[in-house]
Amino acid sequence: TSINLGSIVAGGVDNSIYQAVENNIAPADAAQYVCFK
């Protein structure tokens, strides 16, 4: 038996998610972009 944390998503990311889509941010860079923005 094992357990693994896959992701944590929290905070004011709604706007930065929208910006990532609008700016066509590459999937590999999207997590950092969403967090830092």
Full PDB file with SEQRES, HELIX, SHEET, SSBOND, CRYST1, ORIGX, SCALE, CONECT and MASTER records, all heavy atoms in Angstrom:
SEQRES   1 A   37  THR SER ILE ASN LEU GLY SER ILE VAL ALA GLY GLY VAL          
SEQRES   2 A   37  ASP ASN SER ILE TYR GLN ALA VAL GLU ASN ASN ILE ALA          
SEQRES   3 A   37  PRO ALA ASP ALA ALA GLN TYR VAL CYS PHE LYS                  
HELIX    1 AA1 ASP A   14  GLU A   22  1                                   9    
HELIX    2 AA2 PRO A   27  PHE A   36  1                                  10    
CRYST1    1.000    1.000    1.000  90.00  90.00  90.00 P 1           1          
ORIGX1      1.000000  0.000000  0.000000        0.00000                         
ORIGX2      0.000000  1.000000  0.000000        0.00000                         
ORIGX3      0.000000  0.000000  1.000000        0.00000                         
SCALE1      1.000000  0.000000  0.000000        0.00000                         
SCALE2      0.000000  1.000000  0.000000        0.00000                         
SCALE3      0.000000  0.000000  1.000000        0.00000                         
ATOM      1  N   THR A   1       0.847  -1.191   0.000  1.00  0.00           N  
ATOM      2  CA  THR A   1       0.000   0.000   0.000  1.00  0.00           C  
ATOM      3  C   THR A   1       0.883   1.242   0.000  1.00  0.00           C  
ATOM      4  O   THR A   1       1.857   1.315   0.757  1.00  0.00           O  
ATOM      5  CB  THR A   1      -0.921   0.023   1.230  1.00  0.00           C  
ATOM      6  OG1 THR A   1      -1.686  -1.189   1.277  1.00  0.00           O  
ATOM      7  CG2 THR A   1      -1.870   1.206   1.187  1.00  0.00           C  
ATOM      8  N   SER A   2       0.543   2.200  -0.860  1.00  0.00           N  
ATOM      9  CA  SER A   2       1.308   3.444  -0.915  1.00  0.00           C  
ATOM     10  C   SER A   2       0.378   4.607  -1.225  1.00  0.00           C  
ATOM     11  O   SER A   2      -0.738   4.410  -1.719  1.00  0.00           O  
ATOM     12  CB  SER A   2       2.405   3.370  -1.981  1.00  0.00           C  
ATOM     13  OG  SER A   2       1.831   3.375  -3.283  1.00  0.00           O  
ATOM     14  N   ILE A   3       0.864   5.801  -0.940  1.00  0.00           N  
ATOM     15  CA  ILE A   3       0.107   7.012  -1.253  1.00  0.00           C  
ATOM     16  C   ILE A   3       1.075   8.064  -1.782  1.00  0.00           C  
ATOM     17  O   ILE A   3       2.216   8.169  -1.311  1.00  0.00           O  
ATOM     18  CB  ILE A   3      -0.651   7.538  -0.010  1.00  0.00           C  
ATOM     19  CG1 ILE A   3      -1.510   8.755  -0.377  1.00  0.00           C  
ATOM     20  CG2 ILE A   3       0.288   7.833   1.141  1.00  0.00           C  
ATOM     21  CD1 ILE A   3      -2.481   9.161   0.718  1.00  0.00           C  
ATOM     22  N   ASN A   4       0.640   8.799  -2.780  1.00  0.00           N  
ATOM     23  CA  ASN A   4       1.501   9.804  -3.393  1.00  0.00           C  
ATOM     24  C   ASN A   4       0.726  11.092  -3.656  1.00  0.00           C  
ATOM     25  O   ASN A   4      -0.370  11.072  -4.241  1.00  0.00           O  
ATOM     26  CB  ASN A   4       2.072   9.295  -4.717  1.00  0.00           C  
ATOM     27  CG  ASN A   4       3.033  10.296  -5.335  1.00  0.00           C  
ATOM     28  OD1 ASN A   4       4.088  10.583  -4.772  1.00  0.00           O  
ATOM     29  ND2 ASN A   4       2.673  10.842  -6.485  1.00  0.00           N  
ATOM     30  N   LEU A   5       1.296  12.208  -3.213  1.00  0.00           N  
ATOM     31  CA  LEU A   5       0.713  13.527  -3.469  1.00  0.00           C  
ATOM     32  C   LEU A   5       0.972  13.911  -4.918  1.00  0.00           C  
ATOM     33  O   LEU A   5       2.127  14.027  -5.338  1.00  0.00           O  
ATOM     34  CB  LEU A   5       1.324  14.558  -2.524  1.00  0.00           C  
ATOM     35  CG  LEU A   5       0.894  16.013  -2.722  1.00  0.00           C  
ATOM     36  CD1 LEU A   5      -0.602  16.172  -2.503  1.00  0.00           C  
ATOM     37  CD2 LEU A   5       1.675  16.920  -1.773  1.00  0.00           C  
ATOM     38  N   GLY A   6      -0.087  14.091  -5.682  1.00  0.00           N  
ATOM     39  CA  GLY A   6       0.057  14.435  -7.092  1.00  0.00           C  
ATOM     40  C   GLY A   6       0.159  15.922  -7.325  1.00  0.00           C  
ATOM     41  O   GLY A   6       0.987  16.373  -8.126  1.00  0.00           O  
ATOM     42  N   SER A   7      -0.658  16.695  -6.629  1.00  0.00           N  
ATOM     43  CA  SER A   7      -0.631  18.145  -6.849  1.00  0.00           C  
ATOM     44  C   SER A   7      -1.316  18.877  -5.713  1.00  0.00           C  
ATOM     45  O   SER A   7      -2.149  18.316  -4.997  1.00  0.00           O  
ATOM     46  CB  SER A   7      -1.322  18.505  -8.171  1.00  0.00           C  
ATOM     47  OG  SER A   7      -2.692  18.114  -8.139  1.00  0.00           O  
ATOM     48  N   ILE A   8      -0.933  20.151  -5.560  1.00  0.00           N  
ATOM     49  CA  ILE A   8      -1.633  21.095  -4.696  1.00  0.00           C  
ATOM     50  C   ILE A   8      -1.934  22.325  -5.536  1.00  0.00           C  
ATOM     51  O   ILE A   8      -1.045  22.870  -6.182  1.00  0.00           O  
ATOM     52  CB  ILE A   8      -0.784  21.519  -3.487  1.00  0.00           C  
ATOM     53  CG1 ILE A   8      -0.406  20.313  -2.631  1.00  0.00           C  
ATOM     54  CG2 ILE A   8      -1.536  22.538  -2.636  1.00  0.00           C  
ATOM     55  CD1 ILE A   8       0.549  20.656  -1.505  1.00  0.00           C  
ATOM     56  N   VAL A   9      -3.194  22.717  -5.547  1.00  0.00           N  
ATOM     57  CA  VAL A   9      -3.591  23.935  -6.250  1.00  0.00           C  
ATOM     58  C   VAL A   9      -4.340  24.801  -5.249  1.00  0.00           C  
ATOM     59  O   VAL A   9      -5.309  24.356  -4.646  1.00  0.00           O  
ATOM     60  CB  VAL A   9      -4.481  23.640  -7.472  1.00  0.00           C  
ATOM     61  CG1 VAL A   9      -4.905  24.943  -8.145  1.00  0.00           C  
ATOM     62  CG2 VAL A   9      -3.744  22.746  -8.458  1.00  0.00           C  
ATOM     63  N   ALA A  10      -3.851  26.027  -5.070  1.00  0.00           N  
ATOM     64  CA  ALA A  10      -4.452  26.871  -4.053  1.00  0.00           C  
ATOM     65  C   ALA A  10      -4.244  28.335  -4.386  1.00  0.00           C  
ATOM     66  O   ALA A  10      -3.376  28.698  -5.174  1.00  0.00           O  
ATOM     67  CB  ALA A  10      -3.847  26.565  -2.686  1.00  0.00           C  
ATOM     68  N   GLY A  11      -5.066  29.163  -3.767  1.00  0.00           N  
ATOM     69  CA  GLY A  11      -4.847  30.598  -3.853  1.00  0.00           C  
ATOM     70  C   GLY A  11      -5.485  31.274  -5.052  1.00  0.00           C  
ATOM     71  O   GLY A  11      -6.352  30.723  -5.734  1.00  0.00           O  
ATOM     72  N   GLY A  12      -4.983  32.464  -5.315  1.00  0.00           N  
ATOM     73  CA  GLY A  12      -5.573  33.305  -6.353  1.00  0.00           C  
ATOM     74  C   GLY A  12      -5.037  32.994  -7.731  1.00  0.00           C  
ATOM     75  O   GLY A  12      -4.347  33.822  -8.353  1.00  0.00           O  
ATOM     76  N   VAL A  13      -5.343  31.806  -8.214  1.00  0.00           N  
ATOM     77  CA  VAL A  13      -4.800  31.367  -9.509  1.00  0.00           C  
ATOM     78  C   VAL A  13      -5.792  31.544 -10.658  1.00  0.00           C  
ATOM     79  O   VAL A  13      -5.426  31.310 -11.811  1.00  0.00           O  
ATOM     80  CB  VAL A  13      -4.346  29.891  -9.444  1.00  0.00           C  
ATOM     81  CG1 VAL A  13      -3.207  29.720  -8.454  1.00  0.00           C  
ATOM     82  CG2 VAL A  13      -5.524  28.975  -9.087  1.00  0.00           C  
ATOM     83  N   ASP A  14      -7.011  31.944 -10.377  1.00  0.00           N  
ATOM     84  CA  ASP A  14      -8.015  32.027 -11.437  1.00  0.00           C  
ATOM     85  C   ASP A  14      -7.558  32.957 -12.569  1.00  0.00           C  
ATOM     86  O   ASP A  14      -7.636  32.603 -13.755  1.00  0.00           O  
ATOM     87  CB  ASP A  14      -9.355  32.516 -10.868  1.00  0.00           C  
ATOM     88  CG  ASP A  14      -9.976  31.515  -9.919  1.00  0.00           C  
ATOM     89  OD1 ASP A  14      -9.406  30.421  -9.784  1.00  0.00           O  
ATOM     90  OD2 ASP A  14     -11.017  31.818  -9.326  1.00  0.00           O  
ATOM     91  N   ASN A  15      -7.083  34.118 -12.204  1.00  0.00           N  
ATOM     92  CA  ASN A  15      -6.645  35.086 -13.217  1.00  0.00           C  
ATOM     93  C   ASN A  15      -5.424  34.597 -13.984  1.00  0.00           C  
ATOM     94  O   ASN A  15      -5.323  34.771 -15.204  1.00  0.00           O  
ATOM     95  CB  ASN A  15      -6.339  36.441 -12.574  1.00  0.00           C  
ATOM     96  CG  ASN A  15      -7.596  37.174 -12.148  1.00  0.00           C  
ATOM     97  OD1 ASN A  15      -8.705  36.756 -12.464  1.00  0.00           O  
ATOM     98  ND2 ASN A  15      -7.428  38.265 -11.423  1.00  0.00           N  
ATOM     99  N   SER A  16      -4.467  33.986 -13.277  1.00  0.00           N  
ATOM    100  CA  SER A  16      -3.239  33.553 -13.942  1.00  0.00           C  
ATOM    101  C   SER A  16      -3.484  32.336 -14.846  1.00  0.00           C  
ATOM    102  O   SER A  16      -2.802  32.177 -15.864  1.00  0.00           O  
ATOM    103  CB  SER A  16      -2.135  33.248 -12.928  1.00  0.00           C  
ATOM    104  OG  SER A  16      -2.547  32.297 -11.970  1.00  0.00           O  
ATOM    105  N   ILE A  17      -4.456  31.509 -14.500  1.00  0.00           N  
ATOM    106  CA  ILE A  17      -4.834  30.409 -15.398  1.00  0.00           C  
ATOM    107  C   ILE A  17      -5.382  30.984 -16.699  1.00  0.00           C  
ATOM    108  O   ILE A  17      -5.025  30.544 -17.803  1.00  0.00           O  
ATOM    109  CB  ILE A  17      -5.875  29.485 -14.727  1.00  0.00           C  
ATOM    110  CG1 ILE A  17      -5.223  28.692 -13.592  1.00  0.00           C  
ATOM    111  CG2 ILE A  17      -6.485  28.529 -15.750  1.00  0.00           C  
ATOM    112  CD1 ILE A  17      -6.199  27.891 -12.769  1.00  0.00           C  
ATOM    113  N   TYR A  18      -6.230  31.977 -16.559  1.00  0.00           N  
ATOM    114  CA  TYR A  18      -6.795  32.639 -17.741  1.00  0.00           C  
ATOM    115  C   TYR A  18      -5.682  33.263 -18.580  1.00  0.00           C  
ATOM    116  O   TYR A  18      -5.660  33.136 -19.812  1.00  0.00           O  
ATOM    117  CB  TYR A  18      -7.792  33.704 -17.305  1.00  0.00           C  
ATOM    118  CG  TYR A  18      -8.365  34.516 -18.440  1.00  0.00           C  
ATOM    119  CD1 TYR A  18      -9.377  34.007 -19.250  1.00  0.00           C  
ATOM    120  CD2 TYR A  18      -7.888  35.798 -18.711  1.00  0.00           C  
ATOM    121  CE1 TYR A  18      -9.899  34.747 -20.294  1.00  0.00           C  
ATOM    122  CE2 TYR A  18      -8.401  36.551 -19.756  1.00  0.00           C  
ATOM    123  CZ  TYR A  18      -9.407  36.022 -20.543  1.00  0.00           C  
ATOM    124  OH  TYR A  18      -9.919  36.753 -21.580  1.00  0.00           O  
ATOM    125  N   GLN A  19      -4.725  33.916 -17.934  1.00  0.00           N  
ATOM    126  CA  GLN A  19      -3.615  34.546 -18.656  1.00  0.00           C  
ATOM    127  C   GLN A  19      -2.752  33.510 -19.366  1.00  0.00           C  
ATOM    128  O   GLN A  19      -2.278  33.740 -20.484  1.00  0.00           O  
ATOM    129  CB  GLN A  19      -2.767  35.358 -17.684  1.00  0.00           C  
ATOM    130  CG  GLN A  19      -3.464  36.592 -17.131  1.00  0.00           C  
ATOM    131  CD  GLN A  19      -2.708  37.214 -15.971  1.00  0.00           C  
ATOM    132  OE1 GLN A  19      -1.560  36.864 -15.718  1.00  0.00           O  
ATOM    133  NE2 GLN A  19      -3.366  38.125 -15.261  1.00  0.00           N  
ATOM    134  N   ALA A  20      -2.534  32.356 -18.723  1.00  0.00           N  
ATOM    135  CA  ALA A  20      -1.719  31.302 -19.336  1.00  0.00           C  
ATOM    136  C   ALA A  20      -2.359  30.805 -20.626  1.00  0.00           C  
ATOM    137  O   ALA A  20      -1.678  30.562 -21.632  1.00  0.00           O  
ATOM    138  CB  ALA A  20      -1.532  30.146 -18.357  1.00  0.00           C  
ATOM    139  N   VAL A  21      -3.685  30.665 -20.603  1.00  0.00           N  
ATOM    140  CA  VAL A  21      -4.399  30.238 -21.809  1.00  0.00           C  
ATOM    141  C   VAL A  21      -4.325  31.314 -22.887  1.00  0.00           C  
ATOM    142  O   VAL A  21      -4.031  31.040 -24.049  1.00  0.00           O  
ATOM    143  CB  VAL A  21      -5.869  29.902 -21.472  1.00  0.00           C  
ATOM    144  CG1 VAL A  21      -6.661  29.614 -22.748  1.00  0.00           C  
ATOM    145  CG2 VAL A  21      -5.945  28.708 -20.518  1.00  0.00           C  
ATOM    146  N   GLU A  22      -4.572  32.554 -22.474  1.00  0.00           N  
ATOM    147  CA  GLU A  22      -4.559  33.663 -23.432  1.00  0.00           C  
ATOM    148  C   GLU A  22      -3.181  33.852 -24.076  1.00  0.00           C  
ATOM    149  O   GLU A  22      -3.072  34.201 -25.246  1.00  0.00           O  
ATOM    150  CB  GLU A  22      -4.969  34.959 -22.722  1.00  0.00           C  
ATOM    151  CG  GLU A  22      -6.455  35.070 -22.416  1.00  0.00           C  
ATOM    152  CD  GLU A  22      -7.293  35.235 -23.668  1.00  0.00           C  
ATOM    153  OE1 GLU A  22      -7.152  36.266 -24.343  1.00  0.00           O  
ATOM    154  OE2 GLU A  22      -8.069  34.312 -23.975  1.00  0.00           O  
ATOM    155  N   ASN A  23      -2.124  33.587 -23.315  1.00  0.00           N  
ATOM    156  CA  ASN A  23      -0.761  33.798 -23.798  1.00  0.00           C  
ATOM    157  C   ASN A  23      -0.129  32.542 -24.387  1.00  0.00           C  
ATOM    158  O   ASN A  23       1.063  32.538 -24.713  1.00  0.00           O  
ATOM    159  CB  ASN A  23       0.122  34.341 -22.676  1.00  0.00           C  
ATOM    160  CG  ASN A  23      -0.287  35.730 -22.237  1.00  0.00           C  
ATOM    161  OD1 ASN A  23      -0.663  36.560 -23.061  1.00  0.00           O  
ATOM    162  ND2 ASN A  23      -0.225  36.000 -20.938  1.00  0.00           N  
ATOM    163  N   ASN A  24      -0.947  31.473 -24.504  1.00  0.00           N  
ATOM    164  CA  ASN A  24      -0.467  30.211 -25.096  1.00  0.00           C  
ATOM    165  C   ASN A  24       0.810  29.716 -24.427  1.00  0.00           C  
ATOM    166  O   ASN A  24       1.774  29.299 -25.094  1.00  0.00           O  
ATOM    167  CB  ASN A  24      -0.227  30.389 -26.603  1.00  0.00           C  
ATOM    168  CG  ASN A  24      -1.503  30.669 -27.372  1.00  0.00           C  
ATOM    169  OD1 ASN A  24      -2.524  30.013 -27.152  1.00  0.00           O  
ATOM    170  ND2 ASN A  24      -1.456  31.643 -28.263  1.00  0.00           N  
ATOM    171  N   ILE A  25       0.813  29.736 -23.114  1.00  0.00           N  
ATOM    172  CA  ILE A  25       1.964  29.250 -22.370  1.00  0.00           C  
ATOM    173  C   ILE A  25       2.089  27.731 -22.556  1.00  0.00           C  
ATOM    174  O   ILE A  25       1.106  27.003 -22.437  1.00  0.00           O  
ATOM    175  CB  ILE A  25       1.831  29.586 -20.872  1.00  0.00           C  
ATOM    176  CG1 ILE A  25       1.696  31.103 -20.690  1.00  0.00           C  
ATOM    177  CG2 ILE A  25       3.015  29.051 -20.090  1.00  0.00           C  
ATOM    178  CD1 ILE A  25       2.869  31.903 -21.204  1.00  0.00           C  
ATOM    179  N   ALA A  26       3.275  27.263 -22.853  1.00  0.00           N  
ATOM    180  CA  ALA A  26       3.504  25.836 -23.072  1.00  0.00           C  
ATOM    181  C   ALA A  26       3.163  25.041 -21.820  1.00  0.00           C  
ATOM    182  O   ALA A  26       3.420  25.508 -20.698  1.00  0.00           O  
ATOM    183  CB  ALA A  26       4.956  25.595 -23.461  1.00  0.00           C  
ATOM    184  N   PRO A  27       2.600  23.838 -21.987  1.00  0.00           N  
ATOM    185  CA  PRO A  27       2.227  23.032 -20.811  1.00  0.00           C  
ATOM    186  C   PRO A  27       3.372  22.835 -19.825  1.00  0.00           C  
ATOM    187  O   PRO A  27       3.159  22.844 -18.611  1.00  0.00           O  
ATOM    188  CB  PRO A  27       1.791  21.701 -21.448  1.00  0.00           C  
ATOM    189  CG  PRO A  27       1.275  22.085 -22.798  1.00  0.00           C  
ATOM    190  CD  PRO A  27       2.164  23.206 -23.248  1.00  0.00           C  
ATOM    191  N   ALA A  28       4.594  22.660 -20.335  1.00  0.00           N  
ATOM    192  CA  ALA A  28       5.733  22.428 -19.443  1.00  0.00           C  
ATOM    193  C   ALA A  28       6.022  23.635 -18.554  1.00  0.00           C  
ATOM    194  O   ALA A  28       6.623  23.502 -17.481  1.00  0.00           O  
ATOM    195  CB  ALA A  28       6.970  22.077 -20.261  1.00  0.00           C  
ATOM    196  N   ASP A  29       5.617  24.815 -18.990  1.00  0.00           N  
ATOM    197  CA  ASP A  29       5.883  26.040 -18.233  1.00  0.00           C  
ATOM    198  C   ASP A  29       4.656  26.562 -17.489  1.00  0.00           C  
ATOM    199  O   ASP A  29       4.754  27.546 -16.746  1.00  0.00           O  
ATOM    200  CB  ASP A  29       6.369  27.142 -19.187  1.00  0.00           C  
ATOM    201  CG  ASP A  29       7.615  26.734 -19.954  1.00  0.00           C  
ATOM    202  OD1 ASP A  29       8.471  26.056 -19.357  1.00  0.00           O  
ATOM    203  OD2 ASP A  29       7.724  27.086 -21.149  1.00  0.00           O  
ATOM    204  N   ALA A  30       3.516  25.905 -17.698  1.00  0.00           N  
ATOM    205  CA  ALA A  30       2.255  26.465 -17.205  1.00  0.00           C  
ATOM    206  C   ALA A  30       2.170  26.503 -15.688  1.00  0.00           C  
ATOM    207  O   ALA A  30       1.678  27.489 -15.109  1.00  0.00           O  
ATOM    208  CB  ALA A  30       1.079  25.669 -17.777  1.00  0.00           C  
ATOM    209  N   ALA A  31       2.652  25.451 -15.005  1.00  0.00           N  
ATOM    210  CA  ALA A  31       2.526  25.415 -13.543  1.00  0.00           C  
ATOM    211  C   ALA A  31       3.281  26.576 -12.908  1.00  0.00           C  
ATOM    212  O   ALA A  31       2.753  27.273 -12.024  1.00  0.00           O  
ATOM    213  CB  ALA A  31       3.034  24.083 -13.001  1.00  0.00           C  
ATOM    214  N   GLN A  32       4.522  26.784 -13.334  1.00  0.00           N  
ATOM    215  CA  GLN A  32       5.303  27.882 -12.782  1.00  0.00           C  
ATOM    216  C   GLN A  32       4.679  29.231 -13.121  1.00  0.00           C  
ATOM    217  O   GLN A  32       4.604  30.125 -12.274  1.00  0.00           O  
ATOM    218  CB  GLN A  32       6.738  27.832 -13.311  1.00  0.00           C  
ATOM    219  CG  GLN A  32       7.647  28.886 -12.694  1.00  0.00           C  
ATOM    220  CD  GLN A  32       9.029  28.872 -13.299  1.00  0.00           C  
ATOM    221  OE1 GLN A  32       9.228  29.364 -14.399  1.00  0.00           O  
ATOM    222  NE2 GLN A  32       9.977  28.296 -12.574  1.00  0.00           N  
ATOM    223  N   TYR A  33       4.208  29.379 -14.347  1.00  0.00           N  
ATOM    224  CA  TYR A  33       3.588  30.643 -14.767  1.00  0.00           C  
ATOM    225  C   TYR A  33       2.361  30.946 -13.901  1.00  0.00           C  
ATOM    226  O   TYR A  33       2.210  32.058 -13.388  1.00  0.00           O  
ATOM    227  CB  TYR A  33       3.192  30.563 -16.237  1.00  0.00           C  
ATOM    228  CG  TYR A  33       2.571  31.828 -16.781  1.00  0.00           C  
ATOM    229  CD1 TYR A  33       3.360  32.783 -17.417  1.00  0.00           C  
ATOM    230  CD2 TYR A  33       1.205  32.078 -16.653  1.00  0.00           C  
ATOM    231  CE1 TYR A  33       2.795  33.957 -17.908  1.00  0.00           C  
ATOM    232  CE2 TYR A  33       0.633  33.243 -17.126  1.00  0.00           C  
ATOM    233  CZ  TYR A  33       1.435  34.178 -17.763  1.00  0.00           C  
ATOM    234  OH  TYR A  33       0.875  35.338 -18.241  1.00  0.00           O  
ATOM    235  N   VAL A  34       1.499  29.946 -13.752  1.00  0.00           N  
ATOM    236  CA  VAL A  34       0.268  30.141 -12.975  1.00  0.00           C  
ATOM    237  C   VAL A  34       0.601  30.515 -11.537  1.00  0.00           C  
ATOM    238  O   VAL A  34      -0.043  31.388 -10.946  1.00  0.00           O  
ATOM    239  CB  VAL A  34      -0.611  28.878 -13.038  1.00  0.00           C  
ATOM    240  CG1 VAL A  34      -1.719  28.933 -11.989  1.00  0.00           C  
ATOM    241  CG2 VAL A  34      -1.207  28.713 -14.430  1.00  0.00           C  
ATOM    242  N   CYS A  35       1.613  29.872 -10.974  1.00  0.00           N  
ATOM    243  CA  CYS A  35       1.984  30.176  -9.587  1.00  0.00           C  
ATOM    244  C   CYS A  35       2.570  31.589  -9.461  1.00  0.00           C  
ATOM    245  O   CYS A  35       2.112  32.385  -8.640  1.00  0.00           O  
ATOM    246  CB  CYS A  35       2.987  29.149  -9.087  1.00  0.00           C  
ATOM    247  SG  CYS A  35       3.514  29.428  -7.378  1.00  0.00           S  
ATOM    248  N   PHE A  36       3.558  31.888 -10.278  1.00  0.00           N  
ATOM    249  CA  PHE A  36       4.264  33.158 -10.124  1.00  0.00           C  
ATOM    250  C   PHE A  36       3.426  34.367 -10.550  1.00  0.00           C  
ATOM    251  O   PHE A  36       3.705  35.495 -10.136  1.00  0.00           O  
ATOM    252  CB  PHE A  36       5.570  33.132 -10.906  1.00  0.00           C  
ATOM    253  CG  PHE A  36       6.620  32.221 -10.319  1.00  0.00           C  
ATOM    254  CD1 PHE A  36       7.829  32.033 -10.960  1.00  0.00           C  
ATOM    255  CD2 PHE A  36       6.403  31.545  -9.119  1.00  0.00           C  
ATOM    256  CE1 PHE A  36       8.803  31.192 -10.426  1.00  0.00           C  
ATOM    257  CE2 PHE A  36       7.357  30.706  -8.573  1.00  0.00           C  
ATOM    258  CZ  PHE A  36       8.558  30.529  -9.230  1.00  0.00           C  
ATOM    259  N   LYS A  37       2.411  34.133 -11.370  1.00  0.00           N  
ATOM    260  CA  LYS A  37       1.532  35.217 -11.808  1.00  0.00           C  
ATOM    261  C   LYS A  37       0.237  35.277 -10.997  1.00  0.00           C  
ATOM    262  O   LYS A  37      -0.651  36.081 -11.302  1.00  0.00           O  
ATOM    263  CB  LYS A  37       1.192  35.058 -13.288  1.00  0.00           C  
ATOM    264  CG  LYS A  37       2.383  35.135 -14.239  1.00  0.00           C  
ATOM    265  CD  LYS A  37       2.986  36.531 -14.284  1.00  0.00           C  
ATOM    266  CE  LYS A  37       4.105  36.613 -15.318  1.00  0.00           C  
ATOM    267  NZ  LYS A  37       4.704  37.964 -15.386  1.00  0.00           N  
TER     268      LYS A  37                                                      
MASTER        0    0    0    2    0    0    0    6  267    1    0    3          
END                                                                             
